[in-house]
Amino acid sequence: YETLRKLNNSLNEKSISLFVYLLKRYIANGEKEYAVTMSQMKSFVGIATSTTSNNEVITDILEVLTLLGLVKYEYRKVEKDKTMMFITHMSNTVRRTDV
């Protein structure tokens, strides 16, 4: 309850939607890391997937979720010219990382 309250009070509905989407995928994957694309995340929160400027929306949300200790992610080169984002850990408890 506290996590959703803090997200609701400090962020918008896209942030909550993205958090729930990533957390559900993390749980469905046995709480192990998984790859996710920017397009998948943009589609889930209801913003245009073909517009690269919307990448900033997702990136900003991920940065705030990271500061709250809710998500950890990293980019990895998976092929010569291809980099993928991996969600490496999710939490449903707020832990401020900037204090």
Protein backbone atom coordinates (compact mmCIF):
# COMPACT_ATOMS: atom_id res chain seq x y z
CA TYR A 1 0.00 0.00 0.00
CA GLU A 2 2.74 2.48 0.91
CA THR A 3 4.52 1.93 -2.40
CA LEU A 4 1.43 2.65 -4.49
CA ARG A 5 0.52 5.64 -2.30
CA LYS A 6 3.95 7.19 -2.77
CA LEU A 7 3.89 6.54 -6.50
CA ASN A 8 0.41 8.01 -6.78
CA ASN A 9 1.31 11.08 -4.75
CA SER A 10 4.57 11.84 -6.48
CA LEU A 11 4.25 10.50 -10.01
CA ASN A 12 1.66 10.13 -12.75
CA GLU A 13 -0.43 7.20 -13.89
CA LYS A 14 2.11 6.23 -16.54
CA SER A 15 4.70 5.69 -13.81
CA ILE A 16 2.36 3.47 -11.83
CA SER A 17 1.40 1.52 -14.96
CA LEU A 18 5.02 0.98 -15.94
CA PHE A 19 5.96 -0.08 -12.40
CA VAL A 20 3.12 -2.62 -12.25
CA TYR A 21 3.94 -3.92 -15.75
CA LEU A 22 7.63 -4.42 -14.94
CA LEU A 23 6.90 -5.96 -11.53
CA LYS A 24 4.35 -8.41 -12.96
CA ARG A 25 6.82 -9.49 -15.66
CA TYR A 26 9.56 -9.88 -13.04
CA ILE A 27 7.32 -12.09 -10.88
CA ALA A 28 6.13 -14.07 -13.92
CA ASN A 29 9.79 -14.68 -14.80
CA GLY A 30 10.45 -16.27 -11.42
CA GLU A 31 11.90 -13.05 -9.99
CA LYS A 32 14.84 -13.33 -12.37
CA GLU A 33 16.16 -10.71 -14.76
CA TYR A 34 14.58 -10.35 -18.17
CA ALA A 35 14.99 -8.28 -21.31
CA VAL A 36 12.48 -5.57 -22.17
CA THR A 37 12.26 -3.18 -25.09
CA MET A 38 11.47 0.50 -25.11
CA SER A 39 8.67 -0.25 -27.54
CA GLN A 40 7.05 -2.74 -25.14
CA MET A 41 7.14 -0.24 -22.30
CA LYS A 42 5.82 2.64 -24.42
CA SER A 43 3.02 0.47 -25.74
CA PHE A 44 2.00 -0.65 -22.26
CA VAL A 45 1.70 2.89 -20.89
CA GLY A 46 -0.17 4.05 -24.00
CA ILE A 47 2.28 6.35 -25.75
CA ALA A 48 3.36 6.20 -29.38
CA THR A 49 5.95 3.50 -29.98
CA SER A 50 7.19 5.04 -33.23
CA THR A 51 8.19 8.36 -31.67
CA THR A 52 11.71 8.31 -30.28
CA SER A 53 11.05 11.42 -28.19
CA ASN A 54 8.76 9.22 -26.07
CA ASN A 55 11.87 7.28 -25.04
CA GLU A 56 12.55 10.18 -22.65
CA VAL A 57 9.20 9.60 -20.94
CA ILE A 58 10.12 5.98 -20.22
CA THR A 59 13.69 6.85 -19.26
CA ASP A 60 12.51 9.53 -16.82
CA ILE A 61 10.05 7.11 -15.22
CA LEU A 62 12.75 4.46 -14.89
CA GLU A 63 15.12 6.96 -13.28
CA VAL A 64 12.54 7.93 -10.64
CA LEU A 65 11.63 4.29 -9.98
CA THR A 66 15.36 3.58 -9.57
CA LEU A 67 15.77 6.47 -7.10
CA LEU A 68 12.90 5.00 -5.08
CA GLY A 69 14.68 1.62 -5.07
CA LEU A 70 11.86 -0.07 -6.99
CA VAL A 71 13.72 -1.09 -10.12
CA LYS A 72 17.26 -1.89 -11.18
CA TYR A 73 18.11 -2.12 -14.84
CA GLU A 74 21.09 -2.11 -17.14
CA TYR A 75 21.88 -2.02 -20.82
CA ARG A 76 23.88 -4.85 -22.36
CA LYS A 77 25.33 -5.31 -25.78
CA VAL A 78 23.77 -8.54 -27.06
CA GLU A 79 25.03 -8.38 -30.63
CA LYS A 80 27.58 -6.31 -32.49
CA ASP A 81 25.16 -3.44 -33.15
CA LYS A 82 22.36 -4.25 -30.71
CA THR A 83 21.94 -3.21 -27.10
CA MET A 84 19.10 -4.47 -24.91
CA MET A 85 17.70 -3.29 -21.59
CA PHE A 86 17.52 -5.87 -18.82
CA ILE A 87 15.42 -5.49 -15.69
CA THR A 88 17.74 -7.02 -13.12
CA HIS A 89 15.70 -6.54 -9.94
CA MET A 90 12.29 -5.30 -8.86
CA SER A 91 11.00 -4.42 -5.41
CA ASN A 92 7.58 -3.49 -4.12
CA THR A 93 8.97 -1.52 -1.18
CA VAL A 94 10.21 2.06 -1.49
CA ARG A 95 13.87 2.46 -0.50
CA ARG A 96 15.23 5.89 -1.27
CA THR A 97 18.68 5.55 -2.78
CA ASP A 98 19.64 9.24 -2.65
CA VAL A 99 19.68 9.61 1.16
